[in-house]
Amino acid sequence: MESAQQELVIITTVSDAEEARSLARGLLDARLAACVSCLPGARSFFRWKSEEITEEHEYVLLIKTHRSRLTQIEQFFTACHPYECPELLAFEADAISSDYHGWMHRELGLESH
């Protein structure tokens, strides 16, 4: 295990499996993510444009990427994310395995450190 060097995990949500599939494939096709894990079964509670609490079933996407792709991912979300106000929460990785680090950088077209 080595210290992470600007690797991120980004979280977003979408409403169904097709939206999750489309967003994940788009991120991978553009080399903005090395891997996207789609987790079904989330239940989100929030207020949106009203005082009433909304409850929705959603898919959570875990997007594994590098900080250098963050601005491009935000632009991709603006153009392609199905939500009017998409969730985009980025978390820095503290540590990463050497093998995964190398693979991730190759997938993103980055020079491996």
N, C-alpha and C. Protein backbone atom coordinates (compact mmCIF):
# COMPACT_ATOMS: atom_id res chain seq x y z
N MET A 1 0.86 -1.18 0.00
CA MET A 1 0.00 0.00 0.00
C MET A 1 0.90 1.23 0.00
N GLU A 2 0.49 2.21 -0.79
CA GLU A 2 1.25 3.46 -0.85
C GLU A 2 0.31 4.63 -0.62
N SER A 3 0.90 5.78 -0.34
CA SER A 3 0.09 6.98 -0.17
C SER A 3 -0.54 7.35 -1.51
N ALA A 4 -1.78 7.72 -1.47
CA ALA A 4 -2.46 8.15 -2.68
C ALA A 4 -1.90 9.49 -3.13
N GLN A 5 -1.91 9.71 -4.42
CA GLN A 5 -1.39 10.95 -4.98
C GLN A 5 -2.46 11.58 -5.87
N GLN A 6 -3.44 12.19 -5.24
CA GLN A 6 -4.52 12.91 -5.90
C GLN A 6 -5.58 12.00 -6.53
N GLU A 7 -5.63 10.73 -6.12
CA GLU A 7 -6.71 9.86 -6.56
C GLU A 7 -7.97 10.23 -5.77
N LEU A 8 -9.10 10.18 -6.46
CA LEU A 8 -10.38 10.56 -5.86
C LEU A 8 -11.41 9.47 -6.03
N VAL A 9 -12.38 9.47 -5.13
CA VAL A 9 -13.61 8.73 -5.31
C VAL A 9 -14.71 9.78 -5.32
N ILE A 10 -15.48 9.79 -6.39
CA ILE A 10 -16.59 10.73 -6.51
C ILE A 10 -17.88 9.95 -6.35
N ILE A 11 -18.81 10.54 -5.61
CA ILE A 11 -20.12 9.94 -5.41
C ILE A 11 -21.16 10.78 -6.16
N THR A 12 -22.04 10.09 -6.86
CA THR A 12 -23.22 10.71 -7.44
C THR A 12 -24.36 9.70 -7.38
N THR A 13 -25.57 10.17 -7.65
CA THR A 13 -26.73 9.29 -7.67
C THR A 13 -27.53 9.52 -8.94
N VAL A 14 -28.24 8.48 -9.37
CA VAL A 14 -29.18 8.55 -10.49
C VAL A 14 -30.40 7.72 -10.13
N SER A 15 -31.45 7.85 -10.93
CA SER A 15 -32.71 7.23 -10.53
C SER A 15 -32.91 5.79 -10.96
N ASP A 16 -32.18 5.32 -11.99
CA ASP A 16 -32.42 3.94 -12.41
C ASP A 16 -31.17 3.31 -13.03
N ALA A 17 -31.28 2.02 -13.32
CA ALA A 17 -30.14 1.25 -13.81
C ALA A 17 -29.65 1.75 -15.16
N GLU A 18 -30.55 2.14 -16.05
CA GLU A 18 -30.13 2.62 -17.37
C GLU A 18 -29.37 3.93 -17.27
N GLU A 19 -29.83 4.84 -16.41
CA GLU A 19 -29.09 6.08 -16.19
C GLU A 19 -27.71 5.80 -15.61
N ALA A 20 -27.63 4.86 -14.67
CA ALA A 20 -26.35 4.49 -14.08
C ALA A 20 -25.42 3.92 -15.14
N ARG A 21 -25.93 3.03 -15.95
CA ARG A 21 -25.13 2.40 -17.01
C ARG A 21 -24.64 3.45 -18.01
N SER A 22 -25.52 4.34 -18.43
CA SER A 22 -25.17 5.36 -19.40
C SER A 22 -24.10 6.32 -18.86
N LEU A 23 -24.28 6.78 -17.64
CA LEU A 23 -23.31 7.70 -17.05
C LEU A 23 -21.96 7.01 -16.86
N ALA A 24 -21.97 5.77 -16.35
CA ALA A 24 -20.72 5.03 -16.13
C ALA A 24 -19.98 4.82 -17.44
N ARG A 25 -20.68 4.37 -18.47
CA ARG A 25 -20.02 4.12 -19.76
C ARG A 25 -19.51 5.42 -20.38
N GLY A 26 -20.24 6.50 -20.23
CA GLY A 26 -19.79 7.78 -20.75
C GLY A 26 -18.51 8.26 -20.09
N LEU A 27 -18.43 8.10 -18.77
CA LEU A 27 -17.22 8.48 -18.03
C LEU A 27 -16.03 7.63 -18.45
N LEU A 28 -16.27 6.33 -18.64
CA LEU A 28 -15.19 5.42 -19.05
C LEU A 28 -14.77 5.68 -20.49
N ASP A 29 -15.73 5.88 -21.38
CA ASP A 29 -15.41 6.16 -22.78
C ASP A 29 -14.55 7.41 -22.93
N ALA A 30 -14.81 8.42 -22.10
CA ALA A 30 -14.07 9.68 -22.15
C ALA A 30 -12.77 9.63 -21.34
N ARG A 31 -12.49 8.47 -20.72
CA ARG A 31 -11.28 8.30 -19.88
C ARG A 31 -11.27 9.29 -18.71
N LEU A 32 -12.46 9.61 -18.21
CA LEU A 32 -12.57 10.48 -17.05
C LEU A 32 -12.58 9.67 -15.76
N ALA A 33 -12.83 8.38 -15.86
CA ALA A 33 -12.83 7.48 -14.71
C ALA A 33 -12.14 6.19 -15.11
N ALA A 34 -11.48 5.59 -14.14
CA ALA A 34 -10.87 4.28 -14.36
C ALA A 34 -11.90 3.18 -14.10
N CYS A 35 -12.81 3.43 -13.17
CA CYS A 35 -13.82 2.45 -12.78
C CYS A 35 -15.01 3.19 -12.19
N VAL A 36 -16.21 2.69 -12.47
CA VAL A 36 -17.42 3.22 -11.85
C VAL A 36 -18.19 2.03 -11.29
N SER A 37 -18.43 2.03 -10.00
CA SER A 37 -19.23 0.99 -9.36
C SER A 37 -20.63 1.52 -9.13
N CYS A 38 -21.63 0.78 -9.58
CA CYS A 38 -23.03 1.18 -9.46
C CYS A 38 -23.71 0.33 -8.39
N LEU A 39 -24.17 0.98 -7.36
CA LEU A 39 -24.78 0.30 -6.23
C LEU A 39 -26.28 0.58 -6.20
N PRO A 40 -27.11 -0.41 -6.50
CA PRO A 40 -28.56 -0.20 -6.46
C PRO A 40 -29.08 -0.25 -5.02
N GLY A 41 -30.31 0.17 -4.86
CA GLY A 41 -30.98 -0.02 -3.57
C GLY A 41 -30.87 1.13 -2.61
N ALA A 42 -30.32 2.26 -3.03
CA ALA A 42 -30.24 3.41 -2.12
C ALA A 42 -31.62 4.04 -2.00
N ARG A 43 -31.89 4.60 -0.86
CA ARG A 43 -33.12 5.35 -0.64
C ARG A 43 -32.69 6.72 -0.13
N SER A 44 -32.99 7.75 -0.92
CA SER A 44 -32.58 9.11 -0.58
C SER A 44 -33.77 9.92 -0.09
N PHE A 45 -33.53 10.73 0.91
CA PHE A 45 -34.53 11.62 1.48
C PHE A 45 -33.99 13.04 1.37
N PHE A 46 -34.79 13.95 0.80
CA PHE A 46 -34.32 15.32 0.60
C PHE A 46 -35.49 16.24 0.30
N ARG A 47 -35.22 17.54 0.35
CA ARG A 47 -36.19 18.53 -0.09
C ARG A 47 -35.72 19.06 -1.43
N TRP A 48 -36.63 19.16 -2.38
CA TRP A 48 -36.28 19.68 -3.69
C TRP A 48 -37.40 20.58 -4.17
N LYS A 49 -37.14 21.88 -4.20
CA LYS A 49 -38.07 22.89 -4.69
C LYS A 49 -39.40 22.92 -3.94
N SER A 50 -39.40 22.45 -2.70
CA SER A 50 -40.59 22.55 -1.87
C SER A 50 -40.19 22.32 -0.42
N GLU A 51 -41.15 22.47 0.45
CA GLU A 51 -40.91 22.21 1.87
C GLU A 51 -41.13 20.75 2.23
N GLU A 52 -41.73 20.00 1.30
CA GLU A 52 -42.00 18.59 1.56
C GLU A 52 -40.76 17.74 1.37
N ILE A 53 -40.63 16.75 2.21
CA ILE A 53 -39.51 15.82 2.08
C ILE A 53 -39.85 14.80 1.00
N THR A 54 -38.93 14.63 0.10
CA THR A 54 -39.07 13.68 -1.00
C THR A 54 -38.30 12.41 -0.64
N GLU A 55 -38.84 11.29 -1.03
CA GLU A 55 -38.17 10.00 -0.83
C GLU A 55 -38.07 9.31 -2.19
N GLU A 56 -36.85 8.96 -2.59
CA GLU A 56 -36.62 8.35 -3.90
C GLU A 56 -35.71 7.14 -3.80
N HIS A 57 -35.96 6.16 -4.64
CA HIS A 57 -35.03 5.04 -4.82
C HIS A 57 -33.98 5.51 -5.82
N GLU A 58 -32.71 5.24 -5.52
CA GLU A 58 -31.64 5.67 -6.41
C GLU A 58 -30.53 4.63 -6.50
N TYR A 59 -29.68 4.82 -7.48
CA TYR A 59 -28.43 4.09 -7.62
C TYR A 59 -27.31 5.03 -7.21
N VAL A 60 -26.38 4.53 -6.42
CA VAL A 60 -25.20 5.30 -6.04
C VAL A 60 -24.05 4.88 -6.94
N LEU A 61 -23.38 5.86 -7.54
CA LEU A 61 -22.21 5.57 -8.37
C LEU A 61 -20.96 6.02 -7.63
N LEU A 62 -19.99 5.11 -7.55
CA LEU A 62 -18.68 5.41 -6.98
C LEU A 62 -17.71 5.49 -8.16
N ILE A 63 -17.22 6.68 -8.40
CA ILE A 63 -16.39 6.96 -9.58
C ILE A 63 -14.95 7.10 -9.12
N LYS A 64 -14.08 6.20 -9.60
CA LYS A 64 -12.68 6.23 -9.22
C LYS A 64 -11.90 6.97 -10.30
N THR A 65 -11.22 8.06 -9.89
CA THR A 65 -10.58 8.94 -10.85
C THR A 65 -9.40 9.66 -10.22
N HIS A 66 -8.91 10.66 -10.91
CA HIS A 66 -7.76 11.46 -10.47
C HIS A 66 -8.18 12.93 -10.43
N ARG A 67 -7.62 13.67 -9.51
CA ARG A 67 -7.98 15.09 -9.36
C ARG A 67 -7.87 15.85 -10.68
N SER A 68 -6.94 15.48 -11.53
CA SER A 68 -6.75 16.18 -12.80
C SER A 68 -7.97 16.05 -13.73
N ARG A 69 -8.87 15.14 -13.44
CA ARG A 69 -10.08 14.94 -14.25
C ARG A 69 -11.32 15.62 -13.67
N LEU A 70 -11.18 16.25 -12.50
CA LEU A 70 -12.35 16.76 -11.78
C LEU A 70 -13.12 17.83 -12.56
N THR A 71 -12.44 18.80 -13.14
CA THR A 71 -13.13 19.84 -13.90
C THR A 71 -13.85 19.24 -15.11
N GLN A 72 -13.21 18.30 -15.78
CA GLN A 72 -13.84 17.65 -16.93
C GLN A 72 -15.06 16.83 -16.50
N ILE A 73 -14.98 16.19 -15.35
CA ILE A 73 -16.13 15.42 -14.85
C ILE A 73 -17.28 16.37 -14.52
N GLU A 74 -16.98 17.50 -13.93
CA GLU A 74 -18.04 18.48 -13.64
C GLU A 74 -18.70 18.94 -14.94
N GLN A 75 -17.91 19.19 -15.97
CA GLN A 75 -18.46 19.58 -17.28
C GLN A 75 -19.28 18.44 -17.88
N PHE A 76 -18.79 17.21 -17.75
CA PHE A 76 -19.51 16.04 -18.24
C PHE A 76 -20.86 15.91 -17.53
N PHE A 77 -20.88 16.12 -16.21
CA PHE A 77 -22.13 16.06 -15.46
C PHE A 77 -23.11 17.13 -15.96
N THR A 78 -22.61 18.34 -16.21
CA THR A 78 -23.48 19.42 -16.71
C THR A 78 -24.13 19.02 -18.02
N ALA A 79 -23.37 18.36 -18.88
CA ALA A 79 -23.88 17.97 -20.20
C ALA A 79 -24.67 16.67 -20.19
N CYS A 80 -24.30 15.71 -19.34
CA CYS A 80 -24.83 14.35 -19.48
C CYS A 80 -25.58 13.78 -18.28
N HIS A 81 -25.40 14.35 -17.10
CA HIS A 81 -26.08 13.80 -15.92
C HIS A 81 -27.57 14.07 -16.04
N PRO A 82 -28.41 13.08 -15.74
CA PRO A 82 -29.85 13.27 -15.92
C PRO A 82 -30.51 14.22 -14.91
N TYR A 83 -29.84 14.54 -13.82
CA TYR A 83 -30.45 15.40 -12.81
C TYR A 83 -30.17 16.87 -13.10
N GLU A 84 -31.13 17.72 -12.76
CA GLU A 84 -30.97 19.16 -12.91
C GLU A 84 -29.84 19.69 -12.02
N CYS A 85 -29.73 19.12 -10.83
CA CYS A 85 -28.69 19.51 -9.87
C CYS A 85 -28.00 18.23 -9.39
N PRO A 86 -27.05 17.72 -10.19
CA PRO A 86 -26.44 16.44 -9.83
C PRO A 86 -25.53 16.52 -8.61
N GLU A 87 -25.59 15.48 -7.82
CA GLU A 87 -24.67 15.34 -6.69
C GLU A 87 -23.29 15.04 -7.24
N LEU A 88 -22.30 15.80 -6.79
CA LEU A 88 -20.91 15.53 -7.15
C LEU A 88 -20.09 15.81 -5.90
N LEU A 89 -19.81 14.73 -5.16
CA LEU A 89 -19.02 14.82 -3.94
C LEU A 89 -17.71 14.07 -4.18
N ALA A 90 -16.59 14.77 -4.04
CA ALA A 90 -15.28 14.16 -4.30
C ALA A 90 -14.54 13.97 -2.99
N PHE A 91 -14.00 12.76 -2.80
CA PHE A 91 -13.23 12.42 -1.61
C PHE A 91 -11.84 11.97 -2.03
N GLU A 92 -10.83 12.50 -1.36
CA GLU A 92 -9.47 12.10 -1.64
C GLU A 92 -9.19 10.74 -1.01
N ALA A 93 -8.50 9.89 -1.75
CA ALA A 93 -8.07 8.60 -1.21
C ALA A 93 -6.83 8.84 -0.34
N ASP A 94 -6.76 8.20 0.79
CA ASP A 94 -5.58 8.30 1.66
C ASP A 94 -4.49 7.34 1.23
N ALA A 95 -4.90 6.17 0.78
CA ALA A 95 -3.94 5.13 0.39
C ALA A 95 -4.51 4.35 -0.78
N ILE A 96 -3.60 3.74 -1.54
CA ILE A 96 -4.00 2.98 -2.72
C ILE A 96 -2.97 1.87 -2.92
N SER A 97 -3.42 0.70 -3.33
CA SER A 97 -2.46 -0.38 -3.59
C SER A 97 -1.64 -0.04 -4.82
N SER A 98 -0.42 -0.48 -4.86
CA SER A 98 0.48 -0.19 -5.98
C SER A 98 -0.09 -0.69 -7.30
N ASP A 99 -0.61 -1.90 -7.29
CA ASP A 99 -1.16 -2.47 -8.53
C ASP A 99 -2.36 -1.67 -9.02
N TYR A 100 -3.27 -1.32 -8.12
CA TYR A 100 -4.46 -0.56 -8.52
C TYR A 100 -4.06 0.83 -9.00
N HIS A 101 -3.10 1.44 -8.31
CA HIS A 101 -2.60 2.76 -8.70
C HIS A 101 -2.09 2.74 -10.14
N GLY A 102 -1.26 1.76 -10.46
CA GLY A 102 -0.72 1.66 -11.81
C GLY A 102 -1.81 1.43 -12.84
N TRP A 103 -2.73 0.52 -12.54
CA TRP A 103 -3.83 0.24 -13.45
C TRP A 103 -4.69 1.48 -13.68
N MET A 104 -5.02 2.15 -12.58
CA MET A 104 -5.87 3.34 -12.65
C MET A 104 -5.22 4.41 -13.53
N HIS A 105 -3.96 4.65 -13.34
CA HIS A 105 -3.26 5.68 -14.12
C HIS A 105 -3.18 5.29 -15.60
N ARG A 106 -3.00 4.00 -15.88
CA ARG A 106 -3.00 3.57 -17.28
C ARG A 106 -4.37 3.79 -17.91
N GLU A 107 -5.43 3.46 -17.18
CA GLU A 107 -6.79 3.63 -17.70
C GLU A 107 -7.13 5.09 -17.97
N LEU A 108 -6.59 5.98 -17.14
CA LEU A 108 -6.87 7.40 -17.27
C LEU A 108 -5.90 8.10 -18.23
N GLY A 109 -4.92 7.35 -18.74
CA GLY A 109 -3.94 7.93 -19.64
C GLY A 109 -2.95 8.83 -18.94
N LEU A 110 -2.71 8.58 -17.65
CA LEU A 110 -1.77 9.36 -16.87
C LEU A 110 -0.44 8.62 -16.77
N GLU A 111 0.61 9.35 -16.66
CA GLU A 111 1.92 8.73 -16.44
C GLU A 111 1.94 8.17 -15.02
N SER A 112 2.31 6.91 -14.87
CA SER A 112 2.36 6.29 -13.55
C SER A 112 3.52 6.84 -12.75
N HIS A 113 3.24 7.17 -11.47
CA HIS A 113 4.28 7.71 -10.59
C HIS A 113 5.01 6.59 -9.88
